[in-house]
Amino acid sequence: MSRAIVFNGDETWELRDLPVPDPQPGGAILRVEATGLCHSDIDHFKGHVHTSFGGAFPSIAGHEIVGRIEKIDAETARAWGVGEGERVAVRELLITPNGNRIYGHDFSVDEGSGLYGGFAEHLELLPGSEVFRIRDDLPAEELTVFEPLSCAVTWVAPVRKDDVVVIEGPGHMGMATIVAARAAGASAVIVTGKSQDRFRLDAALKVGADHVIDVDVEDPVERVREITGNAMADVVVDAAAGHPITLNLAMDLVHKGGHVVVAGMKDRPLEGFHSDWIPTRRITLHPGAGLDTQGAVALINEGKVPTAALLGDTFRLEEFEQAFSLLTRKTPGRDTVRVALRLA
């Protein structure tokens, strides 16, 4: 049996025991070691899923998954390039004949084995999955950063060598974007946040940011103007989740001919956006919607990612309530850069 945290879609959850199946032809069974928690898991908890297949409840969330192959047939092992016992990072995107689906978002627990999310001790890897071998010499919970990094390395596609990059939002996606921007050749990285983000802003400096701006204390436009000698940012990545006002700010932080990457998921429509900003200032908008798991894992395997600094806090499965409280910033007197579950 496999213990699993099951979301009911109405802001409640329960712990269930589910049978562990044999792998399907072309699939495998993963023993989950650790899974990172994400802001999208909060939305999932509330019954809102951003993906095309999303919304089937009850379901097992969790898509930042690292584990070891427990069962796999010889043919699939050759096709995937991994064997039993090897540690892998799981690409959350699953390619199926009926379209793409996302582990930890798109499956009901009543479909098949139900073990299709990372908040469980086992994950059934279906045909169409892709996994990547990841280093053995670090704790699995550190390695779960591969998933936000797999998004961030695509978000920084507009970044060129020696660009000034502003990252809005010092959450775990923002932290991953700092690493990705550095890898892309940014000469300076500036991170913005609010006063409640003080712990995370300080952490951003340790991860690789050159400057941080508390927008509740300083005028971010004037501060970026000061830092850049009036040149402003070449690229602004809006990695902030929640209120969409950060997109309006991004348009003010970027210089003429610059780039804005719209990445963080918002909880309401945006008001006050002036589309004239785009043609009159020649600003290019980019969707923060890519996924490069292979590239992110390569950076980790090459030792180019400060995984320990990005770790944050780790909890056991039976401590999920404490983990979720910290993720949702409801734990009095505490904050963190990331939250992960340790399952093995």
C-alpha atoms as a PDB file:
ATOM      1  CA  MET A   1       0.000   0.000   0.000  1.00  0.00           C
ATOM      2  CA  SER A   2       1.027   3.602  -0.543  1.00  0.00           C
ATOM      3  CA  ARG A   3       0.090   6.451   1.764  1.00  0.00           C
ATOM      4  CA  ALA A   4      -1.208   9.503  -0.085  1.00  0.00           C
ATOM      5  CA  ILE A   5      -2.511  12.989   0.643  1.00  0.00           C
ATOM      6  CA  VAL A   6      -5.780  13.368  -1.270  1.00  0.00           C
ATOM      7  CA  PHE A   7      -7.321  16.770  -2.015  1.00  0.00           C
ATOM      8  CA  ASN A   8     -11.126  16.821  -2.186  1.00  0.00           C
ATOM      9  CA  GLY A   9     -11.372  20.066  -4.159  1.00  0.00           C
ATOM     10  CA  ASP A  10     -13.205  21.921  -1.394  1.00  0.00           C
ATOM     11  CA  GLU A  11     -10.293  23.003   0.816  1.00  0.00           C
ATOM     12  CA  THR A  12     -10.220  19.687   2.677  1.00  0.00           C
ATOM     13  CA  TRP A  13      -7.808  16.786   2.444  1.00  0.00           C
ATOM     14  CA  GLU A  14      -7.449  13.284   3.812  1.00  0.00           C
ATOM     15  CA  LEU A  15      -4.770  10.626   4.184  1.00  0.00           C
ATOM     16  CA  ARG A  16      -5.511   7.448   2.237  1.00  0.00           C
ATOM     17  CA  ASP A  17      -3.823   4.108   1.659  1.00  0.00           C
ATOM     18  CA  LEU A  18      -3.863   3.054  -2.006  1.00  0.00           C
ATOM     19  CA  PRO A  19      -2.698  -0.237  -3.552  1.00  0.00           C
ATOM     20  CA  VAL A  20       0.537  -0.043  -5.531  1.00  0.00           C
ATOM     21  CA  PRO A  21      -0.066  -1.486  -9.016  1.00  0.00           C
ATOM     22  CA  ASP A  22       2.280  -3.317 -11.312  1.00  0.00           C
ATOM     23  CA  PRO A  23       3.545  -1.039 -14.082  1.00  0.00           C
ATOM     24  CA  GLN A  24       1.709  -0.931 -17.368  1.00  0.00           C
ATOM     25  CA  PRO A  25       3.647  -1.894 -20.519  1.00  0.00           C
ATOM     26  CA  GLY A  26       5.713   1.168 -21.368  1.00  0.00           C
ATOM     27  CA  GLY A  27       5.419   2.532 -17.829  1.00  0.00           C
ATOM     28  CA  ALA A  28       7.028   2.114 -14.419  1.00  0.00           C
ATOM     29  CA  ILE A  29       6.498   2.479 -10.679  1.00  0.00           C
ATOM     30  CA  LEU A  30       8.416   5.182  -8.833  1.00  0.00           C
ATOM     31  CA  ARG A  31       9.161   5.153  -5.115  1.00  0.00           C
ATOM     32  CA  VAL A  32       8.799   8.843  -4.347  1.00  0.00           C
ATOM     33  CA  GLU A  33      11.615  10.247  -2.201  1.00  0.00           C
ATOM     34  CA  ALA A  34      10.577  13.901  -2.070  1.00  0.00           C
ATOM     35  CA  THR A  35       8.125  16.323  -3.631  1.00  0.00           C
ATOM     36  CA  GLY A  36       8.251  20.105  -3.613  1.00  0.00           C
ATOM     37  CA  LEU A  37       5.161  22.169  -2.865  1.00  0.00           C
ATOM     38  CA  CYS A  38       4.053  24.956  -5.214  1.00  0.00           C
ATOM     39  CA  HIS A  39       1.581  27.847  -5.198  1.00  0.00           C
ATOM     40  CA  SER A  40      -0.437  25.933  -7.803  1.00  0.00           C
ATOM     41  CA  ASP A  41      -0.967  23.263  -5.140  1.00  0.00           C
ATOM     42  CA  ILE A  42      -2.767  25.903  -3.077  1.00  0.00           C
ATOM     43  CA  ASP A  43      -5.075  26.573  -6.028  1.00  0.00           C
ATOM     44  CA  HIS A  44      -5.536  22.807  -6.440  1.00  0.00           C
ATOM     45  CA  PHE A  45      -6.500  22.556  -2.772  1.00  0.00           C
ATOM     46  CA  LYS A  46      -9.183  25.186  -3.381  1.00  0.00           C
ATOM     47  CA  GLY A  47     -10.587  23.229  -6.318  1.00  0.00           C
ATOM     48  CA  HIS A  48      -9.042  25.315  -9.090  1.00  0.00           C
ATOM     49  CA  VAL A  49      -6.542  23.704 -11.467  1.00  0.00           C
ATOM     50  CA  HIS A  50      -4.832  25.733 -14.218  1.00  0.00           C
ATOM     51  CA  THR A  51      -4.241  22.859 -16.655  1.00  0.00           C
ATOM     52  CA  SER A  52      -6.515  21.743 -19.490  1.00  0.00           C
ATOM     53  CA  PHE A  53      -7.482  18.396 -17.925  1.00  0.00           C
ATOM     54  CA  GLY A  54      -7.612  19.816 -14.397  1.00  0.00           C
ATOM     55  CA  GLY A  55     -10.511  19.712 -12.024  1.00  0.00           C
ATOM     56  CA  ALA A  56     -11.051  15.981 -11.441  1.00  0.00           C
ATOM     57  CA  PHE A  57     -11.453  15.461  -7.706  1.00  0.00           C
ATOM     58  CA  PRO A  58     -10.617  13.895  -5.338  1.00  0.00           C
ATOM     59  CA  SER A  59      -6.991  13.826  -6.491  1.00  0.00           C
ATOM     60  CA  ILE A  60      -3.364  13.612  -5.385  1.00  0.00           C
ATOM     61  CA  ALA A  61      -1.453  16.851  -5.954  1.00  0.00           C
ATOM     62  CA  GLY A  62       2.307  17.355  -6.186  1.00  0.00           C
ATOM     63  CA  HIS A  63       4.340  17.719  -9.387  1.00  0.00           C
ATOM     64  CA  GLU A  64       7.916  18.514  -8.238  1.00  0.00           C
ATOM     65  CA  ILE A  65       8.829  14.848  -7.921  1.00  0.00           C
ATOM     66  CA  VAL A  66      12.138  13.071  -7.267  1.00  0.00           C
ATOM     67  CA  GLY A  67      12.304   9.347  -6.580  1.00  0.00           C
ATOM     68  CA  ARG A  68      13.774   5.980  -7.492  1.00  0.00           C
ATOM     69  CA  ILE A  69      12.541   3.554 -10.106  1.00  0.00           C
ATOM     70  CA  GLU A  70      11.039   0.632  -8.193  1.00  0.00           C
ATOM     71  CA  LYS A  71       9.619  -1.459 -11.044  1.00  0.00           C
ATOM     72  CA  ILE A  72      10.247  -1.241 -14.775  1.00  0.00           C
ATOM     73  CA  ASP A  73      10.375  -3.807 -17.549  1.00  0.00           C
ATOM     74  CA  ALA A  74      13.499  -4.273 -19.638  1.00  0.00           C
ATOM     75  CA  GLU A  75      12.082  -2.702 -22.798  1.00  0.00           C
ATOM     76  CA  THR A  76      10.893   0.442 -21.027  1.00  0.00           C
ATOM     77  CA  ALA A  77      14.184   0.682 -19.140  1.00  0.00           C
ATOM     78  CA  ARG A  78      16.058   0.706 -22.449  1.00  0.00           C
ATOM     79  CA  ALA A  79      13.689   3.272 -23.926  1.00  0.00           C
ATOM     80  CA  TRP A  80      13.914   5.584 -20.923  1.00  0.00           C
ATOM     81  CA  GLY A  81      17.594   4.990 -20.226  1.00  0.00           C
ATOM     82  CA  VAL A  82      17.095   4.169 -16.549  1.00  0.00           C
ATOM     83  CA  GLY A  83      17.001   1.039 -14.427  1.00  0.00           C
ATOM     84  CA  GLU A  84      15.505  -0.086 -11.152  1.00  0.00           C
ATOM     85  CA  GLY A  85      16.974   1.690  -8.141  1.00  0.00           C
ATOM     86  CA  GLU A  86      18.123   4.742 -10.068  1.00  0.00           C
ATOM     87  CA  ARG A  87      17.156   8.191  -8.857  1.00  0.00           C
ATOM     88  CA  VAL A  88      15.230  10.309 -11.347  1.00  0.00           C
ATOM     89  CA  ALA A  89      13.461  13.610 -11.748  1.00  0.00           C
ATOM     90  CA  VAL A  90       9.991  13.257 -13.267  1.00  0.00           C
ATOM     91  CA  ARG A  91       8.906  15.591 -16.030  1.00  0.00           C
ATOM     92  CA  GLU A  92       5.438  16.635 -14.935  1.00  0.00           C
ATOM     93  CA  LEU A  93       4.184  16.706 -18.532  1.00  0.00           C
ATOM     94  CA  LEU A  94       2.751  13.413 -19.746  1.00  0.00           C
ATOM     95  CA  ILE A  95       2.192  12.922 -23.484  1.00  0.00           C
ATOM     96  CA  THR A  96      -0.897  10.808 -24.221  1.00  0.00           C
ATOM     97  CA  PRO A  97      -2.821   9.970 -27.414  1.00  0.00           C
ATOM     98  CA  ASN A  98      -5.659  12.144 -26.088  1.00  0.00           C
ATOM     99  CA  GLY A  99      -3.489  15.158 -25.319  1.00  0.00           C
ATOM    100  CA  ASN A 100      -1.041  16.322 -22.685  1.00  0.00           C
ATOM    101  CA  ARG A 101      -1.676  15.818 -18.986  1.00  0.00           C
ATOM    102  CA  ILE A 102       0.162  16.928 -15.861  1.00  0.00           C
ATOM    103  CA  TYR A 103       1.115  14.718 -12.928  1.00  0.00           C
ATOM    104  CA  GLY A 104      -0.219  16.153  -9.690  1.00  0.00           C
ATOM    105  CA  HIS A 105      -2.957  18.153 -11.412  1.00  0.00           C
ATOM    106  CA  ASP A 106      -4.887  16.275 -14.067  1.00  0.00           C
ATOM    107  CA  PHE A 107      -5.916  12.956 -12.535  1.00  0.00           C
ATOM    108  CA  SER A 108      -8.659  11.877 -10.188  1.00  0.00           C
ATOM    109  CA  VAL A 109      -7.710   9.386  -7.501  1.00  0.00           C
ATOM    110  CA  ASP A 110     -10.560   7.276  -8.870  1.00  0.00           C
ATOM    111  CA  GLU A 111      -8.886   6.949 -12.286  1.00  0.00           C
ATOM    112  CA  GLY A 112      -6.695   3.879 -12.660  1.00  0.00           C
ATOM    113  CA  SER A 113      -4.422   3.395  -9.684  1.00  0.00           C
ATOM    114  CA  GLY A 114      -5.002   6.994  -8.594  1.00  0.00           C
ATOM    115  CA  LEU A 115      -1.277   7.306  -7.832  1.00  0.00           C
ATOM    116  CA  TYR A 116      -0.578  10.146 -10.222  1.00  0.00           C
ATOM    117  CA  GLY A 117       0.678  12.867  -7.885  1.00  0.00           C
ATOM    118  CA  GLY A 118       3.774  13.432  -5.791  1.00  0.00           C
ATOM    119  CA  PHE A 119       2.034  13.715  -2.411  1.00  0.00           C
ATOM    120  CA  ALA A 120       2.140   9.925  -2.172  1.00  0.00           C
ATOM    121  CA  GLU A 121       4.767   7.317  -1.449  1.00  0.00           C
ATOM    122  CA  HIS A 122       4.481   5.868  -4.963  1.00  0.00           C
ATOM    123  CA  LEU A 123       3.830   7.308  -8.404  1.00  0.00           C
ATOM    124  CA  GLU A 124       2.589   5.275 -11.335  1.00  0.00           C
ATOM    125  CA  LEU A 125       4.537   6.453 -14.367  1.00  0.00           C
ATOM    126  CA  LEU A 126       2.356   5.956 -17.407  1.00  0.00           C
ATOM    127  CA  PRO A 127       3.422   5.385 -21.015  1.00  0.00           C
ATOM    128  CA  GLY A 128       4.433   8.752 -22.440  1.00  0.00           C
ATOM    129  CA  SER A 129       6.307   9.756 -19.298  1.00  0.00           C
ATOM    130  CA  GLU A 130       9.847  11.090 -19.339  1.00  0.00           C
ATOM    131  CA  VAL A 131      12.362  10.872 -16.500  1.00  0.00           C
ATOM    132  CA  PHE A 132      15.929  12.116 -16.124  1.00  0.00           C
ATOM    133  CA  ARG A 133      18.674  10.672 -13.968  1.00  0.00           C
ATOM    134  CA  ILE A 134      19.635  13.109 -11.233  1.00  0.00           C
ATOM    135  CA  ARG A 135      22.583  13.122  -8.854  1.00  0.00           C
ATOM    136  CA  ASP A 136      22.758  10.773  -5.875  1.00  0.00           C
ATOM    137  CA  ASP A 137      25.016  12.800  -3.573  1.00  0.00           C
ATOM    138  CA  LEU A 138      22.440  15.332  -2.370  1.00  0.00           C
ATOM    139  CA  PRO A 139      19.231  14.968  -0.354  1.00  0.00           C
ATOM    140  CA  ALA A 140      16.223  14.341  -2.566  1.00  0.00           C
ATOM    141  CA  GLU A 141      14.347  17.303  -1.104  1.00  0.00           C
ATOM    142  CA  GLU A 142      17.087  19.652  -2.368  1.00  0.00           C
ATOM    143  CA  LEU A 143      16.762  18.197  -5.840  1.00  0.00           C
ATOM    144  CA  THR A 144      13.031  18.929  -6.133  1.00  0.00           C
ATOM    145  CA  VAL A 145      14.058  22.444  -7.175  1.00  0.00           C
ATOM    146  CA  PHE A 146      14.576  20.937 -10.641  1.00  0.00           C
ATOM    147  CA  GLU A 147      10.881  21.484 -11.412  1.00  0.00           C
ATOM    148  CA  PRO A 148      10.580  25.240 -10.802  1.00  0.00           C
ATOM    149  CA  LEU A 149      13.979  25.559 -12.467  1.00  0.00           C
ATOM    150  CA  SER A 150      12.679  23.661 -15.508  1.00  0.00           C
ATOM    151  CA  CYS A 151      10.141  26.444 -15.957  1.00  0.00           C
ATOM    152  CA  ALA A 152      12.546  29.252 -15.104  1.00  0.00           C
ATOM    153  CA  VAL A 153      15.156  28.263 -17.700  1.00  0.00           C
ATOM    154  CA  THR A 154      12.500  28.792 -20.383  1.00  0.00           C
ATOM    155  CA  TRP A 155      11.243  32.027 -18.852  1.00  0.00           C
ATOM    156  CA  VAL A 156      14.692  33.624 -19.254  1.00  0.00           C
ATOM    157  CA  ALA A 157      14.856  32.860 -22.994  1.00  0.00           C
ATOM    158  CA  PRO A 158      14.867  36.631 -23.818  1.00  0.00           C
ATOM    159  CA  VAL A 159      17.893  37.229 -21.559  1.00  0.00           C
ATOM    160  CA  ARG A 160      21.154  37.976 -23.361  1.00  0.00           C
ATOM    161  CA  LYS A 161      24.693  38.222 -22.013  1.00  0.00           C
ATOM    162  CA  ASP A 162      25.144  41.216 -19.690  1.00  0.00           C
ATOM    163  CA  ASP A 163      21.422  42.028 -19.532  1.00  0.00           C
ATOM    164  CA  VAL A 164      19.904  43.587 -16.434  1.00  0.00           C
ATOM    165  CA  VAL A 165      17.052  41.394 -15.248  1.00  0.00           C
ATOM    166  CA  VAL A 166      14.311  42.308 -12.780  1.00  0.00           C
ATOM    167  CA  ILE A 167      12.406  39.444 -11.173  1.00  0.00           C
ATOM    168  CA  GLU A 168       9.115  40.302  -9.522  1.00  0.00           C
ATOM    169  CA  GLY A 169       8.259  37.964  -6.652  1.00  0.00           C
ATOM    170  CA  PRO A 170      10.749  36.230  -4.312  1.00  0.00           C
ATOM    171  CA  GLY A 171       8.777  33.000  -4.053  1.00  0.00           C
ATOM    172  CA  HIS A 172      10.259  29.644  -4.996  1.00  0.00           C
ATOM    173  CA  MET A 173       9.694  30.367  -8.704  1.00  0.00           C
ATOM    174  CA  GLY A 174      11.382  33.723  -8.361  1.00  0.00           C
ATOM    175  CA  MET A 175      14.336  32.070  -6.630  1.00  0.00           C
ATOM    176  CA  ALA A 176      14.667  29.559  -9.446  1.00  0.00           C
ATOM    177  CA  THR A 177      14.532  32.421 -11.955  1.00  0.00           C
ATOM    178  CA  ILE A 178      17.515  34.074 -10.248  1.00  0.00           C
ATOM    179  CA  VAL A 179      19.560  30.928 -10.927  1.00  0.00           C
ATOM    180  CA  ALA A 180      18.273  30.659 -14.493  1.00  0.00           C
ATOM    181  CA  ALA A 181      18.990  34.332 -15.250  1.00  0.00           C
ATOM    182  CA  ARG A 182      22.549  33.948 -14.000  1.00  0.00           C
ATOM    183  CA  ALA A 183      23.021  30.851 -16.131  1.00  0.00           C
ATOM    184  CA  ALA A 184      21.700  32.809 -19.130  1.00  0.00           C
ATOM    185  CA  GLY A 185      24.395  35.480 -18.665  1.00  0.00           C
ATOM    186  CA  ALA A 186      22.644  38.304 -16.814  1.00  0.00           C
ATOM    187  CA  SER A 187      25.083  40.891 -15.499  1.00  0.00           C
ATOM    188  CA  ALA A 188      22.754  42.084 -12.757  1.00  0.00           C
ATOM    189  CA  VAL A 189      19.665  40.577 -11.136  1.00  0.00           C
ATOM    190  CA  ILE A 190      17.193  42.700  -9.166  1.00  0.00           C
ATOM    191  CA  VAL A 191      14.357  41.123  -7.164  1.00  0.00           C
ATOM    192  CA  THR A 192      11.241  42.952  -5.983  1.00  0.00           C
ATOM    193  CA  GLY A 193       8.868  41.993  -3.202  1.00  0.00           C
ATOM    194  CA  LYS A 194       6.784  43.359  -0.349  1.00  0.00           C
ATOM    195  CA  SER A 195       7.638  43.958   3.289  1.00  0.00           C
ATOM    196  CA  GLN A 196       6.067  40.629   4.226  1.00  0.00           C
ATOM    197  CA  ASP A 197       8.681  39.037   1.927  1.00  0.00           C
ATOM    198  CA  ARG A 198      11.661  40.303   3.942  1.00  0.00           C
ATOM    199  CA  PHE A 199      12.902  36.807   4.761  1.00  0.00           C
ATOM    200  CA  ARG A 200      12.693  35.816   1.096  1.00  0.00           C
ATOM    201  CA  LEU A 201      14.299  39.015  -0.155  1.00  0.00           C
ATOM    202  CA  ASP A 202      17.261  38.366   2.127  1.00  0.00           C
ATOM    203  CA  ALA A 203      17.410  34.806   0.824  1.00  0.00           C
ATOM    204  CA  ALA A 204      17.401  36.092  -2.760  1.00  0.00           C
ATOM    205  CA  LEU A 205      20.695  37.862  -2.088  1.00  0.00           C
ATOM    206  CA  LYS A 206      22.198  34.570  -0.941  1.00  0.00           C
ATOM    207  CA  VAL A 207      20.920  32.750  -4.028  1.00  0.00           C
ATOM    208  CA  GLY A 208      22.462  35.234  -6.479  1.00  0.00           C
ATOM    209  CA  ALA A 209      20.512  38.494  -6.655  1.00  0.00           C
ATOM    210  CA  ASP A 210      22.556  41.704  -6.683  1.00  0.00           C
ATOM    211  CA  HIS A 211      19.820  43.967  -5.367  1.00  0.00           C
ATOM    212  CA  VAL A 212      16.421  43.538  -3.702  1.00  0.00           C
ATOM    213  CA  ILE A 213      13.661  46.118  -3.493  1.00  0.00           C
ATOM    214  CA  ASP A 214      10.887  46.257  -0.903  1.00  0.00           C
ATOM    215  CA  VAL A 215       8.124  47.941  -2.918  1.00  0.00           C
ATOM    216  CA  ASP A 216       6.307  48.893   0.302  1.00  0.00           C
ATOM    217  CA  VAL A 217       9.306  50.990   1.367  1.00  0.00           C
ATOM    218  CA  GLU A 218      10.915  52.144  -1.879  1.00  0.00           C
ATOM    219  CA  ASP A 219       9.592  53.295  -5.242  1.00  0.00           C
ATOM    220  CA  PRO A 220      10.649  50.341  -7.414  1.00  0.00           C
ATOM    221  CA  VAL A 221      10.741  52.378 -10.634  1.00  0.00           C
ATOM    222  CA  GLU A 222      13.011  55.026  -9.144  1.00  0.00           C
ATOM    223  CA  ARG A 223      15.189  52.401  -7.446  1.00  0.00           C
ATOM    224  CA  VAL A 224      15.693  50.461 -10.687  1.00  0.00           C
ATOM    225  CA  ARG A 225      16.411  53.753 -12.444  1.00  0.00           C
ATOM    226  CA  GLU A 226      19.065  54.498  -9.827  1.00  0.00           C
ATOM    227  CA  ILE A 227      20.643  51.021 -10.002  1.00  0.00           C
ATOM    228  CA  THR A 228      20.795  51.041 -13.810  1.00  0.00           C
ATOM    229  CA  GLY A 229      21.889  54.641 -14.297  1.00  0.00           C
ATOM    230  CA  ASN A 230      18.532  55.475 -15.892  1.00  0.00           C
ATOM    231  CA  ALA A 231      18.796  52.607 -18.393  1.00  0.00           C
ATOM    232  CA  MET A 232      16.078  50.457 -16.725  1.00  0.00           C
ATOM    233  CA  ALA A 233      15.780  46.687 -17.151  1.00  0.00           C
ATOM    234  CA  ASP A 234      16.409  44.731 -20.323  1.00  0.00           C
ATOM    235  CA  VAL A 235      14.104  41.937 -19.165  1.00  0.00           C
ATOM    236  CA  VAL A 236      11.454  41.826 -16.441  1.00  0.00           C
ATOM    237  CA  VAL A 237      10.127  38.449 -15.341  1.00  0.00           C
ATOM    238  CA  ASP A 238       6.819  38.698 -13.492  1.00  0.00           C
ATOM    239  CA  ALA A 239       7.085  35.604 -11.309  1.00  0.00           C
ATOM    240  CA  ALA A 240       4.715  36.917  -8.648  1.00  0.00           C
ATOM    241  CA  ALA A 241       1.616  34.849  -7.953  1.00  0.00           C
ATOM    242  CA  GLY A 242      -1.682  36.329  -6.817  1.00  0.00           C
ATOM    243  CA  HIS A 243      -2.422  39.994  -7.554  1.00  0.00           C
ATOM    244  CA  PRO A 244      -1.893  40.914 -11.241  1.00  0.00           C
ATOM    245  CA  ILE A 245      -0.797  44.516 -10.557  1.00  0.00           C
ATOM    246  CA  THR A 246       2.808  43.342 -10.917  1.00  0.00           C
ATOM    247  CA  LEU A 247       2.349  43.190 -14.691  1.00  0.00           C
ATOM    248  CA  ASN A 248       1.599  46.911 -14.803  1.00  0.00           C
ATOM    249  CA  LEU A 249       4.716  47.549 -12.732  1.00  0.00           C
ATOM    250  CA  ALA A 250       6.770  45.352 -15.068  1.00  0.00           C
ATOM    251  CA  MET A 251       5.845  47.612 -17.984  1.00  0.00           C
ATOM    252  CA  ASP A 252       7.280  50.575 -16.074  1.00  0.00           C
ATOM    253  CA  LEU A 253      10.493  48.787 -15.082  1.00  0.00           C
ATOM    254  CA  VAL A 254      11.547  47.737 -18.587  1.00  0.00           C
ATOM    255  CA  HIS A 255      13.230  50.061 -21.065  1.00  0.00           C
ATOM    256  CA  LYS A 256      12.000  50.803 -24.583  1.00  0.00           C
ATOM    257  CA  GLY A 257      12.493  47.766 -26.768  1.00  0.00           C
ATOM    258  CA  GLY A 258      12.762  45.503 -23.714  1.00  0.00           C
ATOM    259  CA  HIS A 259      11.064  42.263 -22.794  1.00  0.00           C
ATOM    260  CA  VAL A 260       8.454  41.317 -20.185  1.00  0.00           C
ATOM    261  CA  VAL A 261       7.818  37.684 -19.313  1.00  0.00           C
ATOM    262  CA  VAL A 262       4.340  37.036 -17.896  1.00  0.00           C
ATOM    263  CA  ALA A 263       4.780  33.972 -15.705  1.00  0.00           C
ATOM    264  CA  GLY A 264       3.201  34.050 -12.240  1.00  0.00           C
ATOM    265  CA  MET A 265      -0.389  32.811 -12.048  1.00  0.00           C
ATOM    266  CA  LYS A 266      -2.872  35.484 -10.945  1.00  0.00           C
ATOM    267  CA  ASP A 267      -6.023  35.198  -8.876  1.00  0.00           C
ATOM    268  CA  ARG A 268      -8.074  37.862 -10.706  1.00  0.00           C
ATOM    269  CA  PRO A 269      -8.223  39.805 -13.991  1.00  0.00           C
ATOM    270  CA  LEU A 270      -5.881  42.745 -14.456  1.00  0.00           C
ATOM    271  CA  GLU A 271      -7.270  46.280 -14.401  1.00  0.00           C
ATOM    272  CA  GLY A 272      -5.496  49.396 -15.633  1.00  0.00           C
ATOM    273  CA  PHE A 273      -3.337  47.754 -18.284  1.00  0.00           C
ATOM    274  CA  HIS A 274      -2.562  50.154 -21.158  1.00  0.00           C
ATOM    275  CA  SER A 275      -1.999  48.247 -24.378  1.00  0.00           C
ATOM    276  CA  ASP A 276      -0.400  51.372 -25.897  1.00  0.00           C
ATOM    277  CA  TRP A 277       2.680  50.530 -23.817  1.00  0.00           C
ATOM    278  CA  ILE A 278       3.409  47.701 -26.246  1.00  0.00           C
ATOM    279  CA  PRO A 279       3.568  49.579 -29.580  1.00  0.00           C
ATOM    280  CA  THR A 280       4.746  52.968 -28.311  1.00  0.00           C
ATOM    281  CA  ARG A 281       7.584  51.532 -26.232  1.00  0.00           C
ATOM    282  CA  ARG A 282       8.159  48.460 -28.448  1.00  0.00           C
ATOM    283  CA  ILE A 283       7.870  46.087 -25.492  1.00  0.00           C
ATOM    284  CA  THR A 284       7.730  42.386 -26.305  1.00  0.00           C
ATOM    285  CA  LEU A 285       5.538  40.220 -24.065  1.00  0.00           C
ATOM    286  CA  HIS A 286       6.496  36.565 -23.589  1.00  0.00           C
ATOM    287  CA  PRO A 287       4.431  33.774 -22.015  1.00  0.00           C
ATOM    288  CA  GLY A 288       6.064  32.115 -19.028  1.00  0.00           C
ATOM    289  CA  ALA A 289       4.804  28.727 -20.099  1.00  0.00           C
ATOM    290  CA  GLY A 290       7.778  26.623 -21.162  1.00  0.00           C
ATOM    291  CA  LEU A 291       9.231  23.474 -19.658  1.00  0.00           C
ATOM    292  CA  ASP A 292      12.828  22.235 -20.002  1.00  0.00           C
ATOM    293  CA  THR A 293      13.277  19.471 -17.460  1.00  0.00           C
ATOM    294  CA  GLN A 294      16.379  18.125 -19.171  1.00  0.00           C
ATOM    295  CA  GLY A 295      18.085  21.516 -19.097  1.00  0.00           C
ATOM    296  CA  ALA A 296      17.237  22.114 -15.445  1.00  0.00           C
ATOM    297  CA  VAL A 297      18.463  18.679 -14.370  1.00  0.00           C
ATOM    298  CA  ALA A 298      21.687  19.244 -16.325  1.00  0.00           C
ATOM    299  CA  LEU A 299      22.364  22.461 -14.392  1.00  0.00           C
ATOM    300  CA  ILE A 300      21.843  20.597 -11.106  1.00  0.00           C
ATOM    301  CA  ASN A 301      23.994  17.638 -12.143  1.00  0.00           C
ATOM    302  CA  GLU A 302      26.761  20.042 -13.199  1.00  0.00           C
ATOM    303  CA  GLY A 303      26.748  21.695  -9.769  1.00  0.00           C
ATOM    304  CA  LYS A 304      25.520  25.077 -11.048  1.00  0.00           C
ATOM    305  CA  VAL A 305      22.510  25.334  -8.726  1.00  0.00           C
ATOM    306  CA  PRO A 306      22.734  26.305  -5.013  1.00  0.00           C
ATOM    307  CA  THR A 307      20.319  23.546  -4.018  1.00  0.00           C
ATOM    308  CA  ALA A 308      21.001  23.858  -0.279  1.00  0.00           C
ATOM    309  CA  ALA A 309      20.260  27.593  -0.293  1.00  0.00           C
ATOM    310  CA  LEU A 310      17.040  26.899  -2.190  1.00  0.00           C
ATOM    311  CA  LEU A 311      15.911  24.038   0.049  1.00  0.00           C
ATOM    312  CA  GLY A 312      13.749  25.870   2.564  1.00  0.00           C
ATOM    313  CA  ASP A 313      11.885  23.543   4.959  1.00  0.00           C
ATOM    314  CA  THR A 314      11.178  19.818   4.718  1.00  0.00           C
ATOM    315  CA  PHE A 315       8.377  17.849   6.364  1.00  0.00           C
ATOM    316  CA  ARG A 316       7.407  14.189   6.542  1.00  0.00           C
ATOM    317  CA  LEU A 317       4.155  13.036   4.956  1.00  0.00           C
ATOM    318  CA  GLU A 318       2.450  12.822   8.330  1.00  0.00           C
ATOM    319  CA  GLU A 319       3.413  16.477   8.895  1.00  0.00           C
ATOM    320  CA  PHE A 320       1.551  17.650   5.808  1.00  0.00           C
ATOM    321  CA  GLU A 321      -0.676  20.010   7.768  1.00  0.00           C
ATOM    322  CA  GLN A 322       2.381  21.889   9.081  1.00  0.00           C
ATOM    323  CA  ALA A 323       3.922  21.902   5.601  1.00  0.00           C
ATOM    324  CA  PHE A 324       0.802  23.327   4.010  1.00  0.00           C
ATOM    325  CA  SER A 325       0.430  25.931   6.732  1.00  0.00           C
ATOM    326  CA  LEU A 326       3.958  27.179   6.040  1.00  0.00           C
ATOM    327  CA  LEU A 327       3.364  27.113   2.276  1.00  0.00           C
ATOM    328  CA  THR A 328       0.236  29.241   2.654  1.00  0.00           C
ATOM    329  CA  ARG A 329       2.056  31.593   5.036  1.00  0.00           C
ATOM    330  CA  LYS A 330      -0.260  30.856   7.929  1.00  0.00           C
ATOM    331  CA  THR A 331       2.419  29.730  10.404  1.00  0.00           C
ATOM    332  CA  PRO A 332       2.898  32.579  12.893  1.00  0.00           C
ATOM    333  CA  GLY A 333       6.420  33.983  12.994  1.00  0.00           C
ATOM    334  CA  ARG A 334       7.799  31.770  10.215  1.00  0.00           C
ATOM    335  CA  ASP A 335       8.524  32.068   6.525  1.00  0.00           C
ATOM    336  CA  THR A 336      10.558  30.013   4.084  1.00  0.00           C
ATOM    337  CA  VAL A 337      11.849  30.042   0.520  1.00  0.00           C
ATOM    338  CA  ARG A 338      10.406  26.619  -0.331  1.00  0.00           C
ATOM    339  CA  VAL A 339       8.539  23.716   1.258  1.00  0.00           C
ATOM    340  CA  ALA A 340       9.082  20.038   0.438  1.00  0.00           C
ATOM    341  CA  LEU A 341       7.713  16.709   1.600  1.00  0.00           C
ATOM    342  CA  ARG A 342      10.119  13.866   2.372  1.00  0.00           C
ATOM    343  CA  LEU A 343       8.427  10.542   1.600  1.00  0.00           C
ATOM    344  CA  ALA A 344      11.291   8.038   1.866  1.00  0.00           C
END
